[in-house]
């Protein structure tokens, strides 16, 4: 059958409010009204696996259910007391839970196999932060699993966790680590200590690999880093953050952008045309280009190639966000949070701006996986009023307003809204969720 004649896969949206979650049919909507595919299921939190095959639903502090996304049937329930956090592996093979420990010796992190419900590995962890959770991290294909421990990175056999730690990489002072997309390499951050500069070091993950890093970059005035691997696992962007800006130009500190490659073709600072902070950075789906929003307001936006040469300038404006659509053609530059919500859409292939619009008070945003729609959301607890979304379609020139009410988001929930998903049984599933009451639908 010809691909051109096949119908596009349907989109689905998971919506969660204080009482639970529901599944909507995604756009295009019939009469501009989404249809409910699955009625509300009580829960406190819900999240899809990276590949969209499984849905993890936390129903209480002692109960977690796993749903099959082909049928939205509950396939497994895990009962365990005092659950504080949970995470699914990228393919949904493993569930990881963090429990409140009753004693220092208690093993409070458990790795469960979702197919059988059995516990395959346990360990102790004193506390949980955004840097240290999930404790065991997987590559996208689940071929590699690693854990950051004191002064070392530990690796596991993902087919048999009963083997325990199968090999280690010693990295004195390691504070955070990021696996590459393929799991072939890992980037480790070591902060400044006793007059020694901080550094990011890249190591090969395979057993028997050399203990020396294949790439390394050192820097002073570094409090924390954000590490961004490209999709081919050949390059790493590092946003280096210092809490204090010694030039006194910024109250929020100082940021620099570095780029490291595995083959050594580039190792250094990315040359930006304007002074000021690095607001956002994102790789294209090919991993051959990356886009950066940077500089004091009005900020600049630029696309670079893998040799850090500028390819396209996306103009200046009140911007702090950049989003490359999953197909790699369209790019959005926007200003959210405390900025007015300006959005500019660009066609990277044609090298031109397509259109612009606004989405005030947006908290979060993301492209649909088919690359056709862009959605922004205003959610609590960031904002308590005007919760809802703006949905933009890149194929028409009409604008319609639409109103509907949902309950306000649970005040205790800090989950953000994002949309990342993959093709599954001729469907595309939004991999995260949004909340609140719908206030506007924009098509242009």
Protein backbone atom coordinates (compact mmCIF):
# COMPACT_ATOMS: atom_id res chain seq x y z
CA UNK A 1 0.00 0.00 0.00
CA UNK A 2 1.28 3.43 -0.89
CA UNK A 3 2.34 5.55 2.07
CA UNK A 4 0.89 8.62 0.40
CA UNK A 5 -2.58 7.07 0.39
CA UNK A 6 -2.53 5.89 4.00
CA UNK A 7 -4.52 7.95 6.49
CA UNK A 8 -2.53 9.87 9.10
CA UNK A 9 -2.43 8.33 12.58
CA UNK A 10 -4.87 9.75 15.11
CA UNK A 11 -3.78 11.95 17.98
CA UNK A 12 -4.86 11.34 21.57
CA UNK A 13 -4.57 13.61 24.60
CA UNK A 14 -4.34 12.63 28.24
CA UNK A 15 -5.98 15.23 30.47
CA UNK A 16 -5.62 15.18 34.24
CA UNK A 17 -7.47 17.24 36.82
CA UNK A 18 -7.68 16.87 40.62
CA UNK A 19 -10.16 14.02 40.44
CA UNK A 20 -8.23 11.90 37.94
CA UNK A 21 -7.35 11.56 34.26
CA UNK A 22 -9.27 11.05 31.02
CA UNK A 23 -8.29 10.33 27.41
CA UNK A 24 -9.52 12.66 24.66
CA UNK A 25 -9.42 12.17 20.93
CA UNK A 26 -6.92 14.73 19.64
CA UNK A 27 -7.27 17.22 16.78
CA UNK A 28 -8.77 17.68 14.31
CA UNK A 29 -11.87 17.96 16.51
CA UNK A 30 -15.45 17.37 15.39
CA UNK A 31 -17.30 20.71 15.71
CA UNK A 32 -14.18 22.05 17.48
CA UNK A 33 -15.05 19.82 20.45
CA UNK A 34 -12.78 16.98 21.65
CA UNK A 35 -14.51 13.65 22.26
CA UNK A 36 -13.84 11.66 25.41
CA UNK A 37 -12.33 8.28 24.60
CA UNK A 38 -11.81 7.13 28.20
CA UNK A 39 -13.81 8.55 31.09
CA UNK A 40 -12.17 9.86 34.21
CA UNK A 41 -10.07 7.41 36.23
CA UNK A 42 -9.22 8.50 39.81
CA UNK A 43 -5.51 9.15 40.38
CA UNK A 44 -3.00 11.58 41.87
CA UNK A 45 -0.53 11.44 38.95
CA UNK A 46 -0.18 9.86 35.52
CA UNK A 47 2.60 9.59 32.95
CA UNK A 48 3.30 7.68 29.75
CA UNK A 49 6.45 5.71 29.05
CA UNK A 50 8.76 7.34 26.53
CA UNK A 51 7.59 5.10 23.69
CA UNK A 52 3.90 5.57 24.53
CA UNK A 53 3.22 1.85 25.04
CA UNK A 54 2.46 1.98 28.78
CA UNK A 55 0.74 4.43 31.10
CA UNK A 56 1.74 4.69 34.76
CA UNK A 57 -1.09 5.85 37.06
CA UNK A 58 -0.38 6.61 40.73
CA UNK A 59 -3.68 6.09 42.48
CA UNK A 60 -2.50 6.58 46.07
CA UNK A 61 0.62 6.56 48.22
CA UNK A 62 0.47 2.76 48.19
CA UNK A 63 -0.93 1.82 44.78
CA UNK A 64 0.36 2.21 41.21
CA UNK A 65 -1.36 0.82 38.11
CA UNK A 66 0.10 0.17 34.67
CA UNK A 67 -2.17 0.50 31.61
CA UNK A 68 -1.67 -0.91 28.12
CA UNK A 69 -2.05 2.03 25.71
CA UNK A 70 -3.38 -0.15 22.89
CA UNK A 71 -6.56 -0.86 24.84
CA UNK A 72 -6.28 1.40 27.93
CA UNK A 73 -6.86 -1.69 30.05
CA UNK A 74 -5.20 -2.01 33.43
CA UNK A 75 -2.60 -4.77 33.13
CA UNK A 76 -0.82 -4.65 36.48
CA UNK A 77 -1.19 -3.09 39.94
CA UNK A 78 1.72 -2.63 42.34
CA UNK A 79 1.02 -2.30 46.06
CA UNK A 80 3.74 -0.80 48.23
CA UNK A 81 3.50 1.57 51.25
CA UNK A 82 4.72 5.18 51.44
CA UNK A 83 5.48 5.73 47.75
CA UNK A 84 6.94 9.21 47.22
CA UNK A 85 7.91 8.93 43.53
CA UNK A 86 7.69 6.52 40.60
CA UNK A 87 9.11 6.30 37.09
CA UNK A 88 8.68 4.07 34.03
CA UNK A 89 11.61 2.97 31.87
CA UNK A 90 11.54 4.27 28.25
CA UNK A 91 9.93 1.10 26.79
CA UNK A 92 7.74 0.49 29.83
CA UNK A 93 9.60 -2.70 30.80
CA UNK A 94 10.44 -1.56 34.32
CA UNK A 95 8.75 0.49 37.03
CA UNK A 96 10.94 2.22 39.60
CA UNK A 97 9.57 3.38 42.98
CA UNK A 98 11.02 5.49 45.79
CA UNK A 99 9.56 4.97 49.25
CA UNK A 100 9.90 6.78 52.54
CA UNK A 101 12.47 4.77 54.51
CA UNK A 102 11.62 3.71 58.06
CA UNK A 103 15.29 3.06 58.90
CA UNK A 104 18.70 3.95 57.39
CA UNK A 105 19.27 0.32 56.44
CA UNK A 106 15.98 -0.13 54.58
CA UNK A 107 16.19 -0.60 50.82
CA UNK A 108 13.65 1.99 49.70
CA UNK A 109 14.20 2.04 45.91
CA UNK A 110 12.68 -0.89 44.03
CA UNK A 111 12.84 -1.83 40.35
CA UNK A 112 9.79 -3.89 39.27
CA UNK A 113 9.19 -5.76 36.02
CA UNK A 114 5.85 -4.52 34.68
CA UNK A 115 5.08 -7.74 32.77
CA UNK A 116 5.34 -10.06 35.76
CA UNK A 117 5.03 -7.70 38.74
CA UNK A 118 8.15 -9.09 40.38
CA UNK A 119 10.82 -7.05 42.17
CA UNK A 120 14.11 -7.44 40.26
CA UNK A 121 16.38 -5.06 42.20
CA UNK A 122 16.39 -3.03 45.41
CA UNK A 123 18.78 -0.46 46.89
CA UNK A 124 18.94 2.29 49.51
CA UNK A 125 18.80 6.01 48.79
CA UNK A 126 18.70 8.66 51.51
CA UNK A 127 16.91 11.41 49.61
CA UNK A 128 15.52 12.30 46.22
CA UNK A 129 16.13 15.39 44.05
CA UNK A 130 15.61 16.28 40.39
CA UNK A 131 19.28 15.41 39.84
CA UNK A 132 19.18 12.01 41.56
CA UNK A 133 15.74 10.75 40.39
CA UNK A 134 15.13 8.36 38.80
CA UNK A 135 17.94 6.55 40.61
CA UNK A 136 18.55 4.08 37.78
CA UNK A 137 18.44 5.64 34.32
CA UNK A 138 17.97 3.84 31.03
CA UNK A 139 18.98 4.58 27.46
CA UNK A 140 16.08 5.03 25.03
CA UNK A 141 16.28 1.41 23.87
CA UNK A 142 16.81 0.13 27.46
CA UNK A 143 20.08 -1.52 26.41
CA UNK A 144 21.99 0.43 29.07
CA UNK A 145 21.07 1.22 32.67
CA UNK A 146 23.23 3.27 35.02
CA UNK A 147 23.19 4.74 38.50
CA UNK A 148 25.20 7.62 39.96
CA UNK A 149 26.78 6.65 43.28
CA UNK A 150 29.45 8.31 45.44
CA UNK A 151 32.49 9.00 43.23
CA UNK A 152 31.39 6.53 40.55
CA UNK A 153 28.84 5.52 37.93
CA UNK A 154 27.46 1.99 38.17
CA UNK A 155 26.07 -0.04 35.26
CA UNK A 156 23.60 -2.94 35.19
CA UNK A 157 22.63 -5.76 32.85
CA UNK A 158 19.12 -4.68 31.81
CA UNK A 159 18.22 -8.26 30.92
CA UNK A 160 19.17 -9.60 34.35
CA UNK A 161 19.24 -7.19 37.30
CA UNK A 162 20.03 -10.12 39.63
CA UNK A 163 23.65 -9.77 38.52
CA UNK A 164 23.78 -6.46 40.37
CA UNK A 165 26.41 -3.92 39.30
CA UNK A 166 28.29 -5.41 36.32
CA UNK A 167 30.87 -2.66 35.91
CA UNK A 168 31.78 0.80 37.19
CA UNK A 169 33.42 4.02 36.06
CA UNK A 170 35.22 5.88 38.84
CA UNK A 171 34.67 9.66 38.69
CA UNK A 172 35.69 11.41 41.93
CA UNK A 173 33.25 14.16 42.91
CA UNK A 174 30.60 13.35 40.28
CA UNK A 175 27.40 15.33 40.98
CA UNK A 176 25.20 14.51 37.96
CA UNK A 177 25.28 12.33 34.85
CA UNK A 178 23.40 12.15 31.56
CA UNK A 179 23.23 9.04 29.36
CA UNK A 180 23.37 9.62 25.61
CA UNK A 181 20.28 8.74 23.57
CA UNK A 182 21.77 5.45 22.39
CA UNK A 183 23.44 4.65 25.71
CA UNK A 184 26.88 4.43 24.08
CA UNK A 185 28.30 7.24 26.22
CA UNK A 186 27.62 9.09 29.44
CA UNK A 187 28.42 12.69 30.36
CA UNK A 188 29.36 13.38 33.98
CA UNK A 189 29.53 16.74 35.76
CA UNK A 190 32.08 17.35 38.51
CA UNK A 191 31.65 20.71 40.33
CA UNK A 192 34.46 23.05 41.40
CA UNK A 193 36.27 21.92 44.52
CA UNK A 194 39.21 23.30 46.54
CA UNK A 195 40.31 25.67 43.81
CA UNK A 196 40.01 23.08 41.04
CA UNK A 197 37.74 23.98 38.11
CA UNK A 198 34.48 22.17 37.43
CA UNK A 199 34.32 19.87 34.43
CA UNK A 200 32.11 17.81 32.14
CA UNK A 201 33.64 14.49 31.14
CA UNK A 202 32.34 12.03 28.53
CA UNK A 203 32.98 8.28 28.97
CA UNK A 204 32.18 5.22 26.87
CA UNK A 205 29.64 3.00 28.66
CA UNK A 206 30.68 -0.39 27.28
CA UNK A 207 32.35 -2.83 29.70
CA UNK A 208 36.10 -2.93 29.22
CA UNK A 209 36.23 0.60 27.82
CA UNK A 210 39.13 2.82 28.80
CA UNK A 211 38.71 4.54 32.15
CA UNK A 212 39.87 7.85 30.68
CA UNK A 213 37.25 10.24 29.24
CA UNK A 214 36.94 10.48 25.47
CA UNK A 215 36.17 14.20 25.82
CA UNK A 216 36.51 16.71 28.64
CA UNK A 217 35.91 20.41 29.23
CA UNK A 218 36.82 22.38 32.35
CA UNK A 219 35.42 25.73 33.51
CA UNK A 220 35.54 28.04 36.52
CA UNK A 221 32.55 29.89 38.00
CA UNK A 222 30.23 26.93 37.58
CA UNK A 223 27.41 26.11 40.01
CA UNK A 224 25.38 23.69 37.86
CA UNK A 225 25.03 22.43 34.28
CA UNK A 226 22.35 21.30 31.85
CA UNK A 227 23.53 18.60 29.43
CA UNK A 228 21.85 18.01 26.05
CA UNK A 229 22.86 15.05 23.85
CA UNK A 230 22.00 15.09 20.17
CA UNK A 231 19.95 12.22 18.70
CA UNK A 232 22.96 10.51 17.18
CA UNK A 233 24.86 10.59 20.49
CA UNK A 234 27.82 12.27 18.75
CA UNK A 235 27.65 15.73 20.35
CA UNK A 236 26.83 17.29 23.70
CA UNK A 237 25.68 20.83 24.46
CA UNK A 238 26.41 22.03 28.00
CA UNK A 239 24.72 25.08 29.51
CA UNK A 240 26.98 26.18 32.37
CA UNK A 241 25.29 28.20 35.12
CA UNK A 242 27.03 30.39 37.71
CA UNK A 243 24.94 31.69 40.60
CA UNK A 244 26.75 35.05 40.59
CA UNK A 245 27.41 37.26 37.57
CA UNK A 246 30.69 39.01 38.35
CA UNK A 247 29.94 41.66 35.74
CA UNK A 248 26.77 42.60 37.74
CA UNK A 249 24.73 42.65 34.53
CA UNK A 250 22.29 39.96 35.63
CA UNK A 251 20.58 39.28 38.95
CA UNK A 252 20.10 35.64 37.91
CA UNK A 253 23.79 34.83 37.50
CA UNK A 254 25.75 34.01 34.38
CA UNK A 255 25.34 31.29 31.74
CA UNK A 256 27.63 30.04 28.98
CA UNK A 257 27.07 27.46 26.23
CA UNK A 258 29.74 24.86 25.44
CA UNK A 259 29.81 22.15 22.80
CA UNK A 260 31.75 18.86 22.93
CA UNK A 261 32.00 16.16 20.26
CA UNK A 262 33.09 12.55 20.62
CA UNK A 263 35.50 12.74 17.68
CA UNK A 264 37.24 15.84 19.07
CA UNK A 265 36.28 18.03 16.11
CA UNK A 266 34.94 20.69 18.49
CA UNK A 267 35.52 21.35 22.17
CA UNK A 268 34.80 24.83 23.40
CA UNK A 269 32.51 27.80 23.79
CA UNK A 270 29.69 28.40 21.30
CA UNK A 271 30.20 31.90 19.95
CA UNK A 272 26.97 33.89 20.50
CA UNK A 273 26.43 37.30 18.96
CA UNK A 274 24.82 38.95 21.97
CA UNK A 275 25.78 39.17 25.64
CA UNK A 276 23.45 37.79 28.27
CA UNK A 277 21.99 34.51 29.49
CA UNK A 278 21.29 31.37 27.46
CA UNK A 279 17.50 31.05 27.75
CA UNK A 280 16.90 27.81 25.86
CA UNK A 281 18.64 25.33 23.56
CA UNK A 282 17.32 22.40 21.50
CA UNK A 283 18.69 19.91 18.97
CA UNK A 284 16.91 19.16 15.70
CA UNK A 285 15.53 15.64 15.21
CA UNK A 286 18.47 14.85 12.88
CA UNK A 287 21.05 15.87 15.47
CA UNK A 288 22.88 17.92 12.83
CA UNK A 289 21.70 21.37 13.96
CA UNK A 290 20.80 23.05 17.22
CA UNK A 291 18.89 26.24 18.01
CA UNK A 292 19.64 28.71 20.81
CA UNK A 293 17.74 31.64 22.36
CA UNK A 294 20.18 33.94 24.12
CA UNK A 295 21.07 37.46 25.23
CA UNK A 296 19.52 40.25 27.25
CA UNK A 297 16.03 41.28 26.12
CA UNK A 298 15.16 41.54 23.32
CA UNK A 299 16.80 38.12 22.97
CA UNK A 300 18.24 36.63 19.78
CA UNK A 301 17.57 33.20 18.28
CA UNK A 302 20.08 31.42 16.03
CA UNK A 303 20.40 27.98 14.43
CA UNK A 304 23.92 26.47 14.30
CA UNK A 305 25.38 23.45 12.54
CA UNK A 306 27.51 20.77 14.22
CA UNK A 307 30.61 22.92 13.74
CA UNK A 308 28.92 25.82 15.59
CA UNK A 309 28.61 27.89 12.43
CA UNK A 310 25.43 30.03 12.21
CA UNK A 311 22.95 28.74 9.63
CA UNK A 312 19.88 30.94 10.20
CA UNK A 313 19.00 33.95 12.31
CA UNK A 314 15.44 33.82 13.70
CA UNK A 315 15.29 37.48 14.67
CA UNK A 316 15.04 39.24 18.03
CA UNK A 317 12.15 39.71 20.43
CA UNK A 318 10.84 38.99 23.94
CA UNK A 319 11.81 35.32 23.65
CA UNK A 320 12.99 32.68 26.12
CA UNK A 321 11.76 29.43 24.48
CA UNK A 322 12.54 27.53 21.29
CA UNK A 323 10.74 24.38 20.08
CA UNK A 324 11.75 22.37 17.02
CA UNK A 325 8.92 20.24 15.67
CA UNK A 326 9.45 16.44 15.57
CA UNK A 327 9.75 16.39 11.78
CA UNK A 328 12.53 18.98 11.83
CA UNK A 329 10.92 21.48 9.46
CA UNK A 330 9.08 24.01 11.63
CA UNK A 331 10.52 25.97 14.54
CA UNK A 332 8.78 28.08 17.14
CA UNK A 333 10.44 30.96 18.99
CA UNK A 334 8.38 32.27 21.92
CA UNK A 335 8.40 34.15 25.20
CA UNK A 336 6.53 32.52 28.09
CA UNK A 337 6.46 32.86 31.86
CA UNK A 338 6.87 36.53 32.75
CA UNK A 339 7.06 37.49 29.06
CA UNK A 340 4.03 38.54 26.96
CA UNK A 341 3.59 35.21 25.11
CA UNK A 342 4.73 36.21 21.60
CA UNK A 343 5.10 33.22 19.25
CA UNK A 344 6.87 33.26 15.86
CA UNK A 345 6.72 30.20 13.57
CA UNK A 346 9.53 29.58 11.06
CA UNK A 347 10.00 27.18 8.15
CA UNK A 348 13.58 25.90 8.41
CA UNK A 349 13.59 24.40 4.91
CA UNK A 350 12.39 27.61 3.24
CA UNK A 351 14.37 29.78 5.72
CA UNK A 352 11.47 32.16 6.30
CA UNK A 353 9.00 33.19 9.00
CA UNK A 354 5.53 31.77 8.42
CA UNK A 355 3.38 33.66 10.90
CA UNK A 356 3.13 34.96 14.45
CA UNK A 357 0.55 35.02 17.23
CA UNK A 358 0.30 35.28 21.03
CA UNK A 359 -0.46 33.01 23.97
CA UNK A 360 -0.47 35.04 27.17
CA UNK A 361 0.32 33.53 30.58
CA UNK A 362 1.58 30.25 29.14
CA UNK A 363 3.37 27.97 31.58
CA UNK A 364 4.46 25.21 29.19
CA UNK A 365 4.28 24.21 25.53
CA UNK A 366 5.07 21.48 23.00
CA UNK A 367 4.55 20.27 19.44
CA UNK A 368 2.23 17.39 18.67
CA UNK A 369 4.20 14.32 17.52
CA UNK A 370 2.97 14.65 13.93
CA UNK A 371 4.47 18.16 13.80
CA UNK A 372 1.21 19.77 12.67
CA UNK A 373 -0.11 21.26 15.92
CA UNK A 374 1.47 23.34 18.66
CA UNK A 375 -0.08 23.55 22.10
CA UNK A 376 0.58 25.88 25.02
CA UNK A 377 -0.98 25.48 28.46
CA UNK A 378 -1.67 27.72 31.44
CA UNK A 379 -1.68 25.53 34.54
CA UNK A 380 -1.84 25.74 38.31
CA UNK A 381 -0.04 26.03 40.66
CA UNK A 382 1.97 28.50 38.54
CA UNK A 383 -1.23 30.44 37.81
CA UNK A 384 -4.54 30.03 39.61
CA UNK A 385 -6.74 31.78 37.01
CA UNK A 386 -7.31 31.50 33.27
CA UNK A 387 -6.07 27.92 33.21
CA UNK A 388 -6.41 26.37 29.76
CA UNK A 389 -4.67 25.95 26.44
CA UNK A 390 -4.04 27.48 23.03
CA UNK A 391 -3.84 25.06 20.11
CA UNK A 392 -2.24 26.26 16.88
CA UNK A 393 -2.53 24.47 13.54
CA UNK A 394 -0.13 25.33 10.76
CA UNK A 395 -2.45 24.47 7.85
CA UNK A 396 -5.29 26.97 7.83
CA UNK A 397 -5.90 30.69 8.13
CA UNK A 398 -9.00 30.82 10.29
CA UNK A 399 -9.31 31.67 13.97
CA UNK A 400 -12.00 30.37 16.29
CA UNK A 401 -12.61 30.80 20.00
CA UNK A 402 -13.82 27.92 22.11
CA UNK A 403 -14.79 27.74 25.78
CA UNK A 404 -15.31 24.85 28.16
CA UNK A 405 -14.69 24.25 31.86
CA UNK A 406 -12.64 21.69 33.69
CA UNK A 407 -11.67 21.67 37.34
CA UNK A 408 -8.64 23.62 38.53
CA UNK A 409 -5.43 21.61 38.94
CA UNK A 410 -4.64 20.08 42.31
CA UNK A 411 -2.51 22.64 44.18
CA UNK A 412 -0.01 20.02 45.29
CA UNK A 413 0.85 18.77 41.80
CA UNK A 414 3.99 20.23 40.20
CA UNK A 415 3.92 18.17 36.97
CA UNK A 416 4.62 20.19 33.83
CA UNK A 417 2.95 19.91 30.45
CA UNK A 418 4.87 18.54 27.52
CA UNK A 419 4.09 16.47 24.46
CA UNK A 420 6.51 13.79 23.37
CA UNK A 421 5.37 10.61 21.73
CA UNK A 422 5.84 8.01 19.08
CA UNK A 423 3.75 6.11 16.58
CA UNK A 424 1.83 3.28 18.19
CA UNK A 425 -0.67 1.09 16.29
CA UNK A 426 -1.43 3.85 13.79
CA UNK A 427 -1.90 6.34 16.61
CA UNK A 428 0.18 9.10 18.07
CA UNK A 429 -0.14 9.66 21.78
CA UNK A 430 0.71 12.84 23.65
CA UNK A 431 3.09 11.57 26.27
CA UNK A 432 2.30 14.03 29.02
CA UNK A 433 -0.71 15.99 30.15
CA UNK A 434 -2.27 19.35 30.70
CA UNK A 435 -4.79 20.66 33.14
CA UNK A 436 -7.34 23.36 33.85
CA UNK A 437 -10.24 24.71 31.89
CA UNK A 438 -10.09 25.26 28.16
CA UNK A 439 -10.29 28.92 27.30
CA UNK A 440 -9.16 29.33 23.73
CA UNK A 441 -8.56 27.41 20.52
CA UNK A 442 -6.59 29.16 17.83
CA UNK A 443 -6.20 27.89 14.29
CA UNK A 444 -4.35 29.96 11.71
